[in-house]
Amino acid sequence: MMKETKVIIRDLQTGGFSAHRTVEGLADDLYQDMCSDVETWEANGKLDFYSWSTPQRNLEIIDMYDYEVLYPTPSLIKQYEDYHKRAFERG
């Protein structure tokens, strides 16, 4: 299994940063949130479509929930660490 790249994920609604450091991890949690509102998503015919974990699906879900995926730079890592009060783990 390939190791997923660590990223920084900004919450565009709050301006803060997600504790998640992988696209797949955040997308899976957001999909679980979608499942809690199953009637709305099934009515739109999207729940089955998003049940499959693919890179495209992950980015679409993250975009729907107003998150931005950013690659770590020294400046972003500092902002992340200041926000969470802990070190950004790259590994």
C-alpha atoms as a PDB file:
ATOM      1  CA  MET A   1       0.000   0.000   0.000  1.00  0.00           C
ATOM      2  CA  MET A   2       1.318   3.437  -0.950  1.00  0.00           C
ATOM      3  CA  LYS A   3       1.852   5.936   1.843  1.00  0.00           C
ATOM      4  CA  GLU A   4      -0.372   8.984   1.488  1.00  0.00           C
ATOM      5  CA  THR A   5       1.221  12.424   1.251  1.00  0.00           C
ATOM      6  CA  LYS A   6       0.834  14.591   4.348  1.00  0.00           C
ATOM      7  CA  VAL A   7      -0.873  17.877   3.583  1.00  0.00           C
ATOM      8  CA  ILE A   8      -2.297  20.850   5.432  1.00  0.00           C
ATOM      9  CA  ILE A   9      -6.063  21.254   5.153  1.00  0.00           C
ATOM     10  CA  ARG A  10      -7.585  24.681   5.739  1.00  0.00           C
ATOM     11  CA  ASP A  11     -11.213  25.054   6.777  1.00  0.00           C
ATOM     12  CA  LEU A  12     -12.466  27.863   4.531  1.00  0.00           C
ATOM     13  CA  GLN A  13     -15.502  28.491   6.738  1.00  0.00           C
ATOM     14  CA  THR A  14     -13.498  29.200   9.903  1.00  0.00           C
ATOM     15  CA  GLY A  15     -10.025  29.983   8.555  1.00  0.00           C
ATOM     16  CA  GLY A  16      -8.623  27.303  10.858  1.00  0.00           C
ATOM     17  CA  PHE A  17      -6.888  24.050  10.039  1.00  0.00           C
ATOM     18  CA  SER A  18      -8.216  20.507  10.114  1.00  0.00           C
ATOM     19  CA  ALA A  19      -6.460  18.076  12.440  1.00  0.00           C
ATOM     20  CA  HIS A  20      -6.402  15.656   9.496  1.00  0.00           C
ATOM     21  CA  ARG A  21      -3.146  15.497   7.582  1.00  0.00           C
ATOM     22  CA  THR A  22      -4.260  13.311   4.673  1.00  0.00           C
ATOM     23  CA  VAL A  23      -6.862  13.905   1.985  1.00  0.00           C
ATOM     24  CA  GLU A  24      -8.285  10.394   2.346  1.00  0.00           C
ATOM     25  CA  GLY A  25      -8.637  10.666   6.134  1.00  0.00           C
ATOM     26  CA  LEU A  26     -10.630  13.889   5.947  1.00  0.00           C
ATOM     27  CA  ALA A  27     -12.737  12.697   3.000  1.00  0.00           C
ATOM     28  CA  ASP A  28     -13.639   9.469   4.823  1.00  0.00           C
ATOM     29  CA  ASP A  29     -14.791  11.420   7.894  1.00  0.00           C
ATOM     30  CA  LEU A  30     -16.796  13.824   5.725  1.00  0.00           C
ATOM     31  CA  TYR A  31     -18.400  10.869   3.933  1.00  0.00           C
ATOM     32  CA  GLN A  32     -19.480   9.519   7.333  1.00  0.00           C
ATOM     33  CA  ASP A  33     -21.040  12.921   7.987  1.00  0.00           C
ATOM     34  CA  MET A  34     -22.881  12.645   4.664  1.00  0.00           C
ATOM     35  CA  CYS A  35     -24.212   9.250   5.749  1.00  0.00           C
ATOM     36  CA  SER A  36     -25.772  10.842   8.837  1.00  0.00           C
ATOM     37  CA  ASP A  37     -27.991  12.848   6.454  1.00  0.00           C
ATOM     38  CA  VAL A  38     -28.735   9.861   4.240  1.00  0.00           C
ATOM     39  CA  GLU A  39     -32.172  11.024   3.016  1.00  0.00           C
ATOM     40  CA  THR A  40     -30.844  14.260   1.517  1.00  0.00           C
ATOM     41  CA  TRP A  41     -27.872  12.620  -0.197  1.00  0.00           C
ATOM     42  CA  GLU A  42     -29.896   9.645  -1.480  1.00  0.00           C
ATOM     43  CA  ALA A  43     -32.518  12.017  -2.848  1.00  0.00           C
ATOM     44  CA  ASN A  44     -29.742  13.705  -4.831  1.00  0.00           C
ATOM     45  CA  GLY A  45     -28.424  10.314  -5.962  1.00  0.00           C
ATOM     46  CA  LYS A  46     -24.970  11.053  -4.581  1.00  0.00           C
ATOM     47  CA  LEU A  47     -24.515   8.746  -1.599  1.00  0.00           C
ATOM     48  CA  ASP A  48     -23.647   5.680  -3.703  1.00  0.00           C
ATOM     49  CA  PHE A  49     -21.403   7.713  -5.983  1.00  0.00           C
ATOM     50  CA  TYR A  50     -19.341   8.985  -3.061  1.00  0.00           C
ATOM     51  CA  SER A  51     -19.154   5.609  -1.325  1.00  0.00           C
ATOM     52  CA  TRP A  52     -16.152   4.663  -3.504  1.00  0.00           C
ATOM     53  CA  SER A  53     -12.843   6.097  -2.287  1.00  0.00           C
ATOM     54  CA  THR A  54     -10.954   7.553  -5.247  1.00  0.00           C
ATOM     55  CA  PRO A  55      -8.692  10.614  -5.442  1.00  0.00           C
ATOM     56  CA  GLN A  56     -11.368  12.487  -7.427  1.00  0.00           C
ATOM     57  CA  ARG A  57     -14.112  11.550  -4.933  1.00  0.00           C
ATOM     58  CA  ASN A  58     -11.962  12.636  -2.012  1.00  0.00           C
ATOM     59  CA  LEU A  59     -11.244  16.065  -3.485  1.00  0.00           C
ATOM     60  CA  GLU A  60     -14.894  16.602  -4.471  1.00  0.00           C
ATOM     61  CA  ILE A  61     -16.125  15.835  -0.956  1.00  0.00           C
ATOM     62  CA  ILE A  62     -13.506  18.109   0.582  1.00  0.00           C
ATOM     63  CA  ASP A  63     -14.496  20.900  -1.810  1.00  0.00           C
ATOM     64  CA  MET A  64     -18.217  20.445  -1.002  1.00  0.00           C
ATOM     65  CA  TYR A  65     -17.462  20.953   2.677  1.00  0.00           C
ATOM     66  CA  ASP A  66     -15.343  24.072   2.022  1.00  0.00           C
ATOM     67  CA  TYR A  67     -11.866  22.780   2.795  1.00  0.00           C
ATOM     68  CA  GLU A  68      -8.690  23.611   0.889  1.00  0.00           C
ATOM     69  CA  VAL A  69      -5.823  21.145   0.470  1.00  0.00           C
ATOM     70  CA  LEU A  70      -2.404  22.789   0.719  1.00  0.00           C
ATOM     71  CA  TYR A  71       1.070  21.337   0.419  1.00  0.00           C
ATOM     72  CA  PRO A  72       3.207  22.096   3.475  1.00  0.00           C
ATOM     73  CA  THR A  73       5.512  25.076   3.241  1.00  0.00           C
ATOM     74  CA  PRO A  74       7.510  26.444   6.171  1.00  0.00           C
ATOM     75  CA  SER A  75       5.002  29.303   6.533  1.00  0.00           C
ATOM     76  CA  LEU A  76       1.936  27.016   6.447  1.00  0.00           C
ATOM     77  CA  ILE A  77       3.524  24.554   8.858  1.00  0.00           C
ATOM     78  CA  LYS A  78       4.104  27.396  11.327  1.00  0.00           C
ATOM     79  CA  GLN A  79       0.473  28.546  10.981  1.00  0.00           C
ATOM     80  CA  TYR A  80      -0.741  24.949  11.475  1.00  0.00           C
ATOM     81  CA  GLU A  81       1.466  24.478  14.551  1.00  0.00           C
ATOM     82  CA  ASP A  82       0.376  27.811  16.054  1.00  0.00           C
ATOM     83  CA  TYR A  83      -3.278  26.883  15.489  1.00  0.00           C
ATOM     84  CA  HIS A  84      -3.068  23.341  16.907  1.00  0.00           C
ATOM     85  CA  LYS A  85      -0.340  24.018  19.511  1.00  0.00           C
ATOM     86  CA  ARG A  86       1.556  20.923  18.384  1.00  0.00           C
ATOM     87  CA  ALA A  87       4.138  19.954  15.793  1.00  0.00           C
ATOM     88  CA  PHE A  88       3.147  19.056  12.246  1.00  0.00           C
ATOM     89  CA  GLU A  89       4.163  15.435  11.719  1.00  0.00           C
ATOM     90  CA  ARG A  90       5.401  14.766   8.218  1.00  0.00           C
ATOM     91  CA  GLY A  91       5.798  10.990   8.480  1.00  0.00           C
END
